[in-house]
Amino acid sequence: MIRVMIIAVLLAVSIWIFFDAKKRGLRKPFPLMWFLVSLIPPYVAVLAYIIYRVFVMSKVSGSSQKSILCSKCGEENSSVVAVCKACGNNVRVNA
């Protein structure tokens, strides 16, 4: 019973990592890569993703990148993200 609960928690955290990476605008195949890596060495990859998310992604979004205004809610977003951080609307224009 405990093994099933541990596997369920690990799977839930891995799924959260996948959707969080997609929400933050990481391009393919990185959300899938983070998902798969987080399944292999338990919780080491989860810690690595959280460190990456906090330090690397915040520096990228806080750098001198241009801002994009969301056409749905008007929220200012970094040009490196694919979706609006406030409403989830697609803000990246496909070229």
N, C-alpha and C. Protein backbone atom coordinates (compact mmCIF):
# COMPACT_ATOMS: atom_id res chain seq x y z
N MET A 1 0.83 -1.20 0.00
CA MET A 1 0.00 0.00 0.00
C MET A 1 0.87 1.26 0.00
N ILE A 2 1.94 1.24 0.79
CA ILE A 2 2.84 2.39 0.86
C ILE A 2 3.53 2.60 -0.48
N ARG A 3 3.94 1.50 -1.14
CA ARG A 3 4.59 1.62 -2.45
C ARG A 3 3.67 2.27 -3.47
N VAL A 4 2.42 1.91 -3.46
CA VAL A 4 1.45 2.49 -4.39
C VAL A 4 1.30 3.99 -4.13
N MET A 5 1.27 4.38 -2.87
CA MET A 5 1.16 5.79 -2.53
C MET A 5 2.40 6.57 -2.97
N ILE A 6 3.57 5.99 -2.77
CA ILE A 6 4.81 6.65 -3.18
C ILE A 6 4.85 6.81 -4.70
N ILE A 7 4.47 5.78 -5.42
CA ILE A 7 4.44 5.85 -6.89
C ILE A 7 3.41 6.88 -7.34
N ALA A 8 2.26 6.94 -6.69
CA ALA A 8 1.23 7.92 -7.05
C ALA A 8 1.73 9.35 -6.83
N VAL A 9 2.41 9.59 -5.72
CA VAL A 9 2.95 10.93 -5.44
C VAL A 9 4.02 11.28 -6.46
N LEU A 10 4.91 10.35 -6.76
CA LEU A 10 5.96 10.59 -7.75
C LEU A 10 5.37 10.90 -9.11
N LEU A 11 4.36 10.16 -9.51
CA LEU A 11 3.69 10.40 -10.79
C LEU A 11 2.99 11.75 -10.80
N ALA A 12 2.32 12.10 -9.70
CA ALA A 12 1.63 13.39 -9.62
C ALA A 12 2.62 14.55 -9.71
N VAL A 13 3.75 14.44 -9.04
CA VAL A 13 4.77 15.50 -9.10
C VAL A 13 5.35 15.59 -10.51
N SER A 14 5.57 14.47 -11.15
CA SER A 14 6.10 14.47 -12.52
C SER A 14 5.11 15.11 -13.49
N ILE A 15 3.84 14.84 -13.32
CA ILE A 15 2.82 15.46 -14.17
C ILE A 15 2.76 16.95 -13.91
N TRP A 16 2.88 17.37 -12.64
CA TRP A 16 2.91 18.80 -12.34
C TRP A 16 4.09 19.47 -13.02
N ILE A 17 5.26 18.83 -12.98
CA ILE A 17 6.45 19.39 -13.63
C ILE A 17 6.21 19.56 -15.12
N PHE A 18 5.60 18.56 -15.76
CA PHE A 18 5.33 18.64 -17.20
C PHE A 18 4.44 19.84 -17.52
N PHE A 19 3.32 19.98 -16.81
CA PHE A 19 2.40 21.07 -17.12
C PHE A 19 2.95 22.43 -16.70
N ASP A 20 3.72 22.47 -15.63
CA ASP A 20 4.34 23.73 -15.22
C ASP A 20 5.36 24.20 -16.26
N ALA A 21 6.15 23.28 -16.78
CA ALA A 21 7.13 23.63 -17.81
C ALA A 21 6.44 24.13 -19.08
N LYS A 22 5.32 23.48 -19.46
CA LYS A 22 4.57 23.94 -20.63
C LYS A 22 3.97 25.32 -20.37
N LYS A 23 3.43 25.53 -19.17
CA LYS A 23 2.79 26.80 -18.83
C LYS A 23 3.81 27.94 -18.85
N ARG A 24 5.02 27.65 -18.45
CA ARG A 24 6.05 28.68 -18.41
C ARG A 24 6.70 28.91 -19.78
N GLY A 25 6.23 28.22 -20.79
CA GLY A 25 6.67 28.50 -22.15
C GLY A 25 7.90 27.75 -22.62
N LEU A 26 8.31 26.72 -21.90
CA LEU A 26 9.44 25.93 -22.40
C LEU A 26 9.01 25.23 -23.68
N ARG A 27 9.86 25.29 -24.67
CA ARG A 27 9.52 24.69 -25.96
C ARG A 27 9.74 23.19 -25.93
N LYS A 28 9.07 22.52 -26.88
CA LYS A 28 9.24 21.08 -27.01
C LYS A 28 10.69 20.79 -27.30
N PRO A 29 11.26 19.78 -26.81
CA PRO A 29 10.79 18.65 -26.04
C PRO A 29 11.05 18.81 -24.54
N PHE A 30 11.35 20.02 -24.05
CA PHE A 30 11.77 20.20 -22.67
C PHE A 30 10.72 19.81 -21.63
N PRO A 31 9.42 20.14 -21.79
CA PRO A 31 8.47 19.66 -20.78
C PRO A 31 8.45 18.14 -20.66
N LEU A 32 8.49 17.44 -21.80
CA LEU A 32 8.52 15.98 -21.78
C LEU A 32 9.82 15.46 -21.17
N MET A 33 10.92 16.12 -21.47
CA MET A 33 12.21 15.72 -20.92
C MET A 33 12.19 15.83 -19.39
N TRP A 34 11.69 16.96 -18.87
CA TRP A 34 11.62 17.13 -17.41
C TRP A 34 10.71 16.08 -16.79
N PHE A 35 9.60 15.77 -17.45
CA PHE A 35 8.69 14.73 -16.95
C PHE A 35 9.40 13.39 -16.84
N LEU A 36 10.06 12.97 -17.91
CA LEU A 36 10.72 11.67 -17.92
C LEU A 36 11.88 11.60 -16.94
N VAL A 37 12.66 12.67 -16.86
CA VAL A 37 13.80 12.70 -15.94
C VAL A 37 13.32 12.64 -14.50
N SER A 38 12.20 13.29 -14.21
CA SER A 38 11.71 13.30 -12.82
C SER A 38 11.18 11.94 -12.38
N LEU A 39 10.91 11.05 -13.32
CA LEU A 39 10.47 9.70 -12.97
C LEU A 39 11.63 8.77 -12.62
N ILE A 40 12.81 9.02 -13.19
CA ILE A 40 13.93 8.09 -13.05
C ILE A 40 14.61 8.19 -11.68
N PRO A 41 15.33 9.27 -11.37
CA PRO A 41 15.93 9.34 -10.03
C PRO A 41 14.97 10.08 -9.10
N PRO A 42 14.28 9.39 -8.23
CA PRO A 42 13.24 10.03 -7.42
C PRO A 42 13.72 11.27 -6.68
N TYR A 43 13.04 12.33 -6.93
CA TYR A 43 13.15 13.61 -6.25
C TYR A 43 14.44 14.37 -6.50
N VAL A 44 15.46 13.76 -7.09
CA VAL A 44 16.65 14.51 -7.46
C VAL A 44 16.31 15.43 -8.62
N ALA A 45 15.62 14.89 -9.61
CA ALA A 45 15.23 15.71 -10.76
C ALA A 45 14.18 16.75 -10.38
N VAL A 46 13.33 16.44 -9.42
CA VAL A 46 12.34 17.41 -8.96
C VAL A 46 13.06 18.61 -8.36
N LEU A 47 14.05 18.36 -7.54
CA LEU A 47 14.84 19.44 -6.96
C LEU A 47 15.58 20.21 -8.04
N ALA A 48 16.13 19.51 -9.03
CA ALA A 48 16.83 20.17 -10.13
C ALA A 48 15.88 21.07 -10.92
N TYR A 49 14.65 20.60 -11.17
CA TYR A 49 13.68 21.42 -11.90
C TYR A 49 13.30 22.66 -11.11
N ILE A 50 13.09 22.51 -9.82
CA ILE A 50 12.71 23.66 -9.00
C ILE A 50 13.84 24.69 -8.99
N ILE A 51 15.08 24.23 -8.87
CA ILE A 51 16.22 25.15 -8.93
C ILE A 51 16.27 25.82 -10.29
N TYR A 52 16.10 25.06 -11.36
CA TYR A 52 16.09 25.62 -12.72
C TYR A 52 14.97 26.64 -12.87
N ARG A 53 13.80 26.30 -12.36
CA ARG A 53 12.63 27.17 -12.47
C ARG A 53 12.85 28.48 -11.73
N VAL A 54 13.38 28.41 -10.53
CA VAL A 54 13.55 29.61 -9.71
C VAL A 54 14.69 30.49 -10.22
N PHE A 55 15.84 29.91 -10.48
CA PHE A 55 17.00 30.71 -10.81
C PHE A 55 17.15 31.00 -12.30
N VAL A 56 17.06 30.00 -13.14
CA VAL A 56 17.30 30.20 -14.58
C VAL A 56 16.12 30.89 -15.24
N MET A 57 14.92 30.37 -15.02
CA MET A 57 13.75 30.95 -15.70
C MET A 57 13.45 32.35 -15.21
N SER A 58 13.72 32.66 -13.94
CA SER A 58 13.47 34.01 -13.45
C SER A 58 14.48 34.99 -14.03
N LYS A 59 15.72 34.55 -14.26
CA LYS A 59 16.71 35.43 -14.88
C LYS A 59 16.36 35.70 -16.33
N VAL A 60 15.87 34.67 -17.03
CA VAL A 60 15.49 34.86 -18.43
C VAL A 60 14.32 35.82 -18.53
N SER A 61 13.31 35.62 -17.69
CA SER A 61 12.14 36.48 -17.77
C SER A 61 12.41 37.85 -17.18
N GLY A 62 13.43 37.99 -16.33
CA GLY A 62 13.74 39.28 -15.73
C GLY A 62 14.80 40.04 -16.49
N SER A 63 15.32 39.49 -17.57
CA SER A 63 16.36 40.16 -18.32
C SER A 63 15.77 41.24 -19.21
N SER A 64 16.59 41.79 -20.07
CA SER A 64 16.16 42.91 -20.89
C SER A 64 15.38 42.46 -22.12
N GLN A 65 14.54 41.46 -21.97
CA GLN A 65 13.70 40.98 -23.05
C GLN A 65 12.55 41.95 -23.27
N LYS A 66 12.03 41.98 -24.47
CA LYS A 66 10.85 42.79 -24.76
C LYS A 66 9.64 42.20 -24.06
N SER A 67 8.67 43.05 -23.82
CA SER A 67 7.42 42.60 -23.20
C SER A 67 6.35 42.46 -24.26
N ILE A 68 5.43 41.53 -24.01
CA ILE A 68 4.28 41.32 -24.88
C ILE A 68 3.04 41.53 -24.04
N LEU A 69 2.11 42.33 -24.56
CA LEU A 69 0.84 42.52 -23.86
C LEU A 69 -0.13 41.44 -24.32
N CYS A 70 -0.84 40.87 -23.36
CA CYS A 70 -1.85 39.87 -23.66
C CYS A 70 -3.04 40.55 -24.34
N SER A 71 -3.49 39.97 -25.45
CA SER A 71 -4.62 40.54 -26.17
C SER A 71 -5.94 40.30 -25.46
N LYS A 72 -5.97 39.36 -24.52
CA LYS A 72 -7.20 39.04 -23.81
C LYS A 72 -7.38 39.88 -22.55
N CYS A 73 -6.32 39.95 -21.70
CA CYS A 73 -6.47 40.65 -20.42
C CYS A 73 -5.60 41.89 -20.29
N GLY A 74 -4.63 42.08 -21.20
CA GLY A 74 -3.78 43.26 -21.16
C GLY A 74 -2.57 43.14 -20.24
N GLU A 75 -2.36 41.98 -19.65
CA GLU A 75 -1.23 41.76 -18.74
C GLU A 75 0.08 41.81 -19.52
N GLU A 76 1.11 42.41 -18.92
CA GLU A 76 2.43 42.47 -19.54
C GLU A 76 3.17 41.17 -19.26
N ASN A 77 3.67 40.54 -20.32
CA ASN A 77 4.38 39.26 -20.21
C ASN A 77 5.73 39.37 -20.88
N SER A 78 6.67 38.56 -20.42
CA SER A 78 7.99 38.50 -21.04
C SER A 78 7.85 37.88 -22.43
N SER A 79 8.74 38.27 -23.32
CA SER A 79 8.67 37.75 -24.68
C SER A 79 9.11 36.29 -24.78
N VAL A 80 9.65 35.73 -23.71
CA VAL A 80 10.11 34.34 -23.76
C VAL A 80 9.03 33.35 -23.39
N VAL A 81 7.88 33.81 -22.89
CA VAL A 81 6.80 32.89 -22.51
C VAL A 81 5.83 32.71 -23.66
N ALA A 82 5.13 31.59 -23.64
CA ALA A 82 4.17 31.28 -24.69
C ALA A 82 2.75 31.64 -24.30
N VAL A 83 2.48 31.65 -23.00
CA VAL A 83 1.12 31.94 -22.53
C VAL A 83 1.15 33.04 -21.48
N CYS A 84 0.04 33.76 -21.37
CA CYS A 84 -0.09 34.84 -20.40
C CYS A 84 -0.04 34.28 -18.98
N LYS A 85 0.73 34.94 -18.12
CA LYS A 85 0.84 34.46 -16.74
C LYS A 85 -0.41 34.72 -15.93
N ALA A 86 -1.27 35.64 -16.39
CA ALA A 86 -2.49 35.96 -15.65
C ALA A 86 -3.69 35.13 -16.09
N CYS A 87 -3.89 35.00 -17.41
CA CYS A 87 -5.12 34.35 -17.87
C CYS A 87 -4.88 33.06 -18.66
N GLY A 88 -3.65 32.77 -19.05
CA GLY A 88 -3.36 31.55 -19.78
C GLY A 88 -3.58 31.65 -21.29
N ASN A 89 -3.88 32.84 -21.78
CA ASN A 89 -4.08 33.05 -23.22
C ASN A 89 -2.74 32.92 -23.95
N ASN A 90 -2.76 32.42 -25.19
CA ASN A 90 -1.57 32.28 -26.00
C ASN A 90 -1.08 33.68 -26.40
N VAL A 91 0.15 34.06 -25.98
CA VAL A 91 0.68 35.37 -26.31
C VAL A 91 1.78 35.32 -27.36
N ARG A 92 2.31 34.15 -27.63
CA ARG A 92 3.38 34.03 -28.61
C ARG A 92 2.78 33.95 -30.01
N VAL A 93 3.27 34.81 -30.90
CA VAL A 93 2.82 34.79 -32.28
C VAL A 93 3.72 33.84 -33.04
N ASN A 94 3.12 32.83 -33.66
CA ASN A 94 3.90 31.88 -34.45
C ASN A 94 4.34 32.52 -35.75
N ALA A 95 5.65 32.50 -36.00
CA ALA A 95 6.19 33.12 -37.22
C ALA A 95 6.19 32.15 -38.36
